[in-house]
Amino acid sequence: MAENKYFKQALSDFMLDAAGGGAVRHLVKQGLTARQIMGRLDFPLPYETVRQMAWEALVEQRRVLLEEPGTGKPAEKAVYIKEQGEFGRTSFRRILVSEEACGRTKWREAEYGKEEGRAFYLHLTKACGENGQETAYASCDFGLLQAKDPERYRRLLEAFGGRGREYAEGLPWPRSRVYHCLDTRFLEILQCLLEQKQYEGACWFLKTGEKLVMK
């Protein structure tokens, strides 16, 4: 019974991924939010499914890291393996494949206090220009805040404005710190947090080996 349930779930996941996964990954790469993606899909998918697919795409594309940048730990992505049983029965198994790890980075650190938000932002935008968004990341505790203080999280979302709020609400943030690439949209969100003195974390720049810490 348990085996049959597992098979049905694996088959369902595989079919959903085959039907809409490629389109979701492509639209995520273009910078669309979960809501925007739903309006572009030919194959109807539940909102929560799109949110999860969008999150997995961000992790797969390394726009979100689950481990601190420069730790040398490998990234993982989900793939489906088709298997044939002894009696010709077909099943699909979802596995996580580790990609090659980057080497551990030694950082040149600069620390800032809450009152130095403008200086912090000017420094990080300069570093982003030197590194490019593919190698620049900021720590993000949205999942932790949502679980610990939902009301404060709601107020932050409202302060982000429509563009930032829709993006943040469209992702199932885990209850742990993650690291988001410093693309244009996340820079806007980070600027908003800094202006409100609500950001506590760090930014990493892999190309130049810089780490900016906001305490």
Protein backbone atom coordinates (compact mmCIF):
# COMPACT_ATOMS: atom_id res chain seq x y z
CA MET A 1 0.00 0.00 0.00
CA ALA A 2 2.76 2.42 1.00
CA GLU A 3 4.71 1.51 -2.15
CA ASN A 4 1.65 2.17 -4.32
CA LYS A 5 1.09 5.55 -2.64
CA TYR A 6 4.74 6.48 -3.17
CA PHE A 7 4.51 5.48 -6.84
CA LYS A 8 1.38 7.57 -7.40
CA GLN A 9 3.00 10.59 -5.75
CA ALA A 10 6.19 10.18 -7.76
CA LEU A 11 4.20 9.81 -10.97
CA SER A 12 2.11 12.87 -10.10
CA ASP A 13 5.25 14.93 -9.40
CA PHE A 14 6.80 13.74 -12.65
CA MET A 15 3.71 14.60 -14.71
CA LEU A 16 3.43 18.06 -13.12
CA ASP A 17 7.08 18.73 -13.81
CA ALA A 18 6.76 17.49 -17.39
CA ALA A 19 3.62 19.57 -17.98
CA GLY A 20 4.68 22.86 -16.44
CA GLY A 21 8.10 22.58 -14.86
CA GLY A 22 10.08 23.63 -17.92
CA ALA A 23 7.84 26.64 -18.50
CA VAL A 24 8.04 27.70 -14.84
CA ARG A 25 11.83 27.44 -14.81
CA HIS A 26 12.04 29.52 -17.99
CA LEU A 27 9.70 32.22 -16.66
CA VAL A 28 11.53 32.33 -13.32
CA LYS A 29 14.74 32.94 -15.24
CA GLN A 30 13.01 35.90 -16.92
CA GLY A 31 12.26 37.35 -13.47
CA LEU A 32 8.50 36.70 -13.29
CA THR A 33 6.71 36.22 -9.97
CA ALA A 34 4.53 33.20 -9.16
CA ARG A 35 1.37 35.23 -9.93
CA GLN A 36 2.76 36.39 -13.24
CA ILE A 37 3.84 32.86 -14.14
CA MET A 38 0.32 31.52 -13.55
CA GLY A 39 -0.99 33.99 -16.13
CA ARG A 40 1.48 32.72 -18.73
CA LEU A 41 1.00 28.95 -18.35
CA ASP A 42 -1.01 27.00 -20.93
CA PHE A 43 -1.30 24.12 -18.45
CA PRO A 44 -3.26 25.15 -15.32
CA LEU A 45 -1.37 24.53 -12.09
CA PRO A 46 -2.35 25.32 -8.47
CA TYR A 47 -0.76 28.47 -7.04
CA GLU A 48 1.05 26.53 -4.30
CA THR A 49 2.51 24.18 -6.91
CA VAL A 50 3.80 27.14 -8.93
CA ARG A 51 5.29 28.69 -5.78
CA GLN A 52 7.15 25.46 -5.01
CA MET A 53 8.33 25.04 -8.60
CA ALA A 54 9.51 28.66 -8.67
CA TRP A 55 11.47 28.13 -5.46
CA GLU A 56 13.12 24.95 -6.78
CA ALA A 57 14.01 26.79 -9.99
CA LEU A 58 15.69 29.61 -8.06
CA VAL A 59 17.74 27.08 -6.09
CA GLU A 60 18.60 25.09 -9.22
CA GLN A 61 19.67 28.27 -11.03
CA ARG A 62 21.73 29.26 -7.96
CA ARG A 63 19.84 32.53 -7.61
CA VAL A 64 19.11 31.28 -4.11
CA LEU A 65 21.70 29.37 -2.09
CA LEU A 66 20.79 27.19 0.88
CA GLU A 67 24.32 27.31 2.29
CA GLU A 68 26.44 30.35 3.03
CA PRO A 69 28.26 31.59 -0.12
CA GLY A 70 31.86 30.51 -0.38
CA THR A 71 31.57 27.57 2.02
CA GLY A 72 32.56 25.11 -0.68
CA LYS A 73 29.44 22.99 -0.16
CA PRO A 74 27.82 21.58 -3.33
CA ALA A 75 24.51 22.77 -4.71
CA GLU A 76 21.73 20.22 -5.27
CA LYS A 77 19.06 19.93 -7.91
CA ALA A 78 16.10 17.54 -8.27
CA VAL A 79 15.95 15.06 -11.16
CA TYR A 80 13.54 12.23 -11.93
CA ILE A 81 14.82 8.74 -12.69
CA LYS A 82 12.66 6.33 -14.68
CA GLU A 83 12.99 2.75 -13.38
CA GLN A 84 11.67 -0.56 -14.68
CA GLY A 85 10.78 -3.25 -12.18
CA GLU A 86 11.18 -7.02 -12.44
CA PHE A 87 7.72 -7.48 -13.98
CA GLY A 88 7.91 -4.52 -16.34
CA ARG A 89 6.36 -2.06 -13.91
CA THR A 90 7.50 1.50 -14.50
CA SER A 91 8.17 3.93 -11.66
CA PHE A 92 9.69 7.36 -11.25
CA ARG A 93 12.08 8.24 -8.45
CA ARG A 94 12.96 11.83 -7.46
CA ILE A 95 16.56 12.25 -6.34
CA LEU A 96 18.81 15.17 -5.47
CA VAL A 97 22.01 15.42 -7.47
CA SER A 98 24.97 17.33 -6.07
CA GLU A 99 26.74 19.71 -8.41
CA GLU A 100 30.43 20.53 -8.23
CA ALA A 101 31.28 22.63 -5.19
CA CYS A 102 33.08 25.95 -5.36
CA GLY A 103 36.18 26.39 -3.23
CA ARG A 104 36.01 27.96 0.20
CA THR A 105 36.47 31.72 0.07
CA LYS A 106 38.53 33.85 2.45
CA TRP A 107 36.66 37.10 2.99
CA ARG A 108 37.70 40.72 3.45
CA GLU A 109 35.05 41.91 5.90
CA ALA A 110 33.58 45.37 6.48
CA GLU A 111 31.07 45.94 9.31
CA TYR A 112 28.29 48.53 9.51
CA GLY A 113 25.77 49.50 12.17
CA LYS A 114 22.03 50.13 11.76
CA GLU A 115 22.62 53.89 11.45
CA GLU A 116 24.97 53.36 8.52
CA GLY A 117 22.39 51.93 6.12
CA ARG A 118 23.12 54.44 3.35
CA ALA A 119 26.88 53.80 3.47
CA PHE A 120 26.23 50.05 3.50
CA TYR A 121 23.96 50.33 0.44
CA LEU A 122 26.44 52.50 -1.49
CA HIS A 123 29.22 50.00 -0.76
CA LEU A 124 27.17 47.00 -1.83
CA THR A 125 25.93 48.62 -5.08
CA LYS A 126 29.55 49.40 -5.98
CA ALA A 127 30.52 45.78 -5.18
CA CYS A 128 27.57 44.50 -7.24
CA GLY A 129 28.83 46.48 -10.22
CA GLU A 130 32.27 44.90 -9.85
CA ASN A 131 31.01 41.34 -9.30
CA GLY A 132 27.74 41.01 -11.20
CA GLN A 133 24.54 39.60 -9.70
CA GLU A 134 25.55 36.00 -10.42
CA THR A 135 28.28 36.16 -7.77
CA ALA A 136 26.70 38.58 -5.27
CA TYR A 137 24.38 37.36 -2.49
CA ALA A 138 22.56 38.72 0.55
CA SER A 139 21.37 36.70 3.54
CA CYS A 140 17.60 36.50 3.83
CA ASP A 141 15.60 35.48 6.91
CA PHE A 142 12.04 35.89 5.57
CA GLY A 143 11.04 32.32 6.46
CA LEU A 144 12.38 32.66 9.99
CA LEU A 145 10.63 36.00 10.51
CA GLN A 146 7.35 34.71 9.09
CA ALA A 147 7.37 31.83 11.57
CA LYS A 148 8.57 33.86 14.56
CA ASP A 149 6.67 37.14 14.10
CA PRO A 150 3.96 36.96 11.37
CA GLU A 151 2.68 40.47 12.08
CA ARG A 152 6.10 42.07 11.67
CA TYR A 153 6.61 40.08 8.48
CA ARG A 154 3.25 41.33 7.15
CA ARG A 155 4.25 44.94 7.86
CA LEU A 156 7.55 44.46 6.04
CA LEU A 157 5.76 43.04 3.00
CA GLU A 158 3.51 46.09 2.88
CA ALA A 159 6.55 48.37 3.00
CA PHE A 160 8.12 46.59 0.00
CA GLY A 161 5.49 47.96 -2.37
CA GLY A 162 3.61 45.95 -4.99
CA ARG A 163 6.60 44.58 -6.93
CA GLY A 164 8.61 43.44 -3.90
CA ARG A 165 5.61 42.14 -1.97
CA GLU A 166 4.32 40.03 -4.87
CA TYR A 167 7.76 38.48 -5.30
CA ALA A 168 8.23 37.68 -1.59
CA GLU A 169 4.70 36.30 -1.18
CA GLY A 170 5.18 34.10 -4.24
CA LEU A 171 7.92 31.99 -2.66
CA PRO A 172 7.70 29.34 0.11
CA TRP A 173 10.60 30.63 2.21
CA PRO A 174 12.02 27.89 4.48
CA ARG A 175 12.38 28.35 8.23
CA SER A 176 16.10 28.89 7.88
CA ARG A 177 18.47 31.54 6.56
CA VAL A 178 18.96 31.49 2.80
CA TYR A 179 21.09 33.60 0.45
CA HIS A 180 19.49 35.45 -2.44
CA CYS A 181 21.42 36.80 -5.42
CA LEU A 182 21.56 40.58 -5.53
CA ASP A 183 19.51 41.07 -8.70
CA THR A 184 17.61 44.31 -9.32
CA ARG A 185 14.46 43.20 -7.51
CA PHE A 186 16.23 41.96 -4.39
CA LEU A 187 18.36 45.10 -4.31
CA GLU A 188 15.11 47.09 -4.14
CA ILE A 189 13.89 44.91 -1.25
CA LEU A 190 17.21 45.24 0.55
CA GLN A 191 17.22 49.01 0.10
CA CYS A 192 13.75 49.15 1.68
CA LEU A 193 14.92 47.07 4.66
CA LEU A 194 17.98 49.26 5.15
CA GLU A 195 15.93 52.47 5.02
CA GLN A 196 13.71 51.09 7.80
CA LYS A 197 16.73 49.82 9.75
CA GLN A 198 15.22 46.35 9.54
CA TYR A 199 18.09 44.50 7.90
CA GLU A 200 20.49 42.38 9.91
CA GLY A 201 22.70 40.06 7.95
CA ALA A 202 25.48 40.10 5.39
CA CYS A 203 26.27 40.36 1.69
CA TRP A 204 28.90 38.26 -0.07
CA PHE A 205 30.74 39.05 -3.30
CA LEU A 206 32.44 35.96 -4.61
CA LYS A 207 34.50 37.57 -7.40
CA THR A 208 36.22 40.17 -5.22
CA GLY A 209 36.06 38.20 -1.96
CA GLU A 210 34.25 40.96 -0.03
CA LYS A 211 31.76 40.45 2.80
CA LEU A 212 29.67 43.32 4.14
CA VAL A 213 28.06 42.78 7.54
CA MET A 214 25.13 44.76 8.90
CA LYS A 215 24.78 44.42 12.68
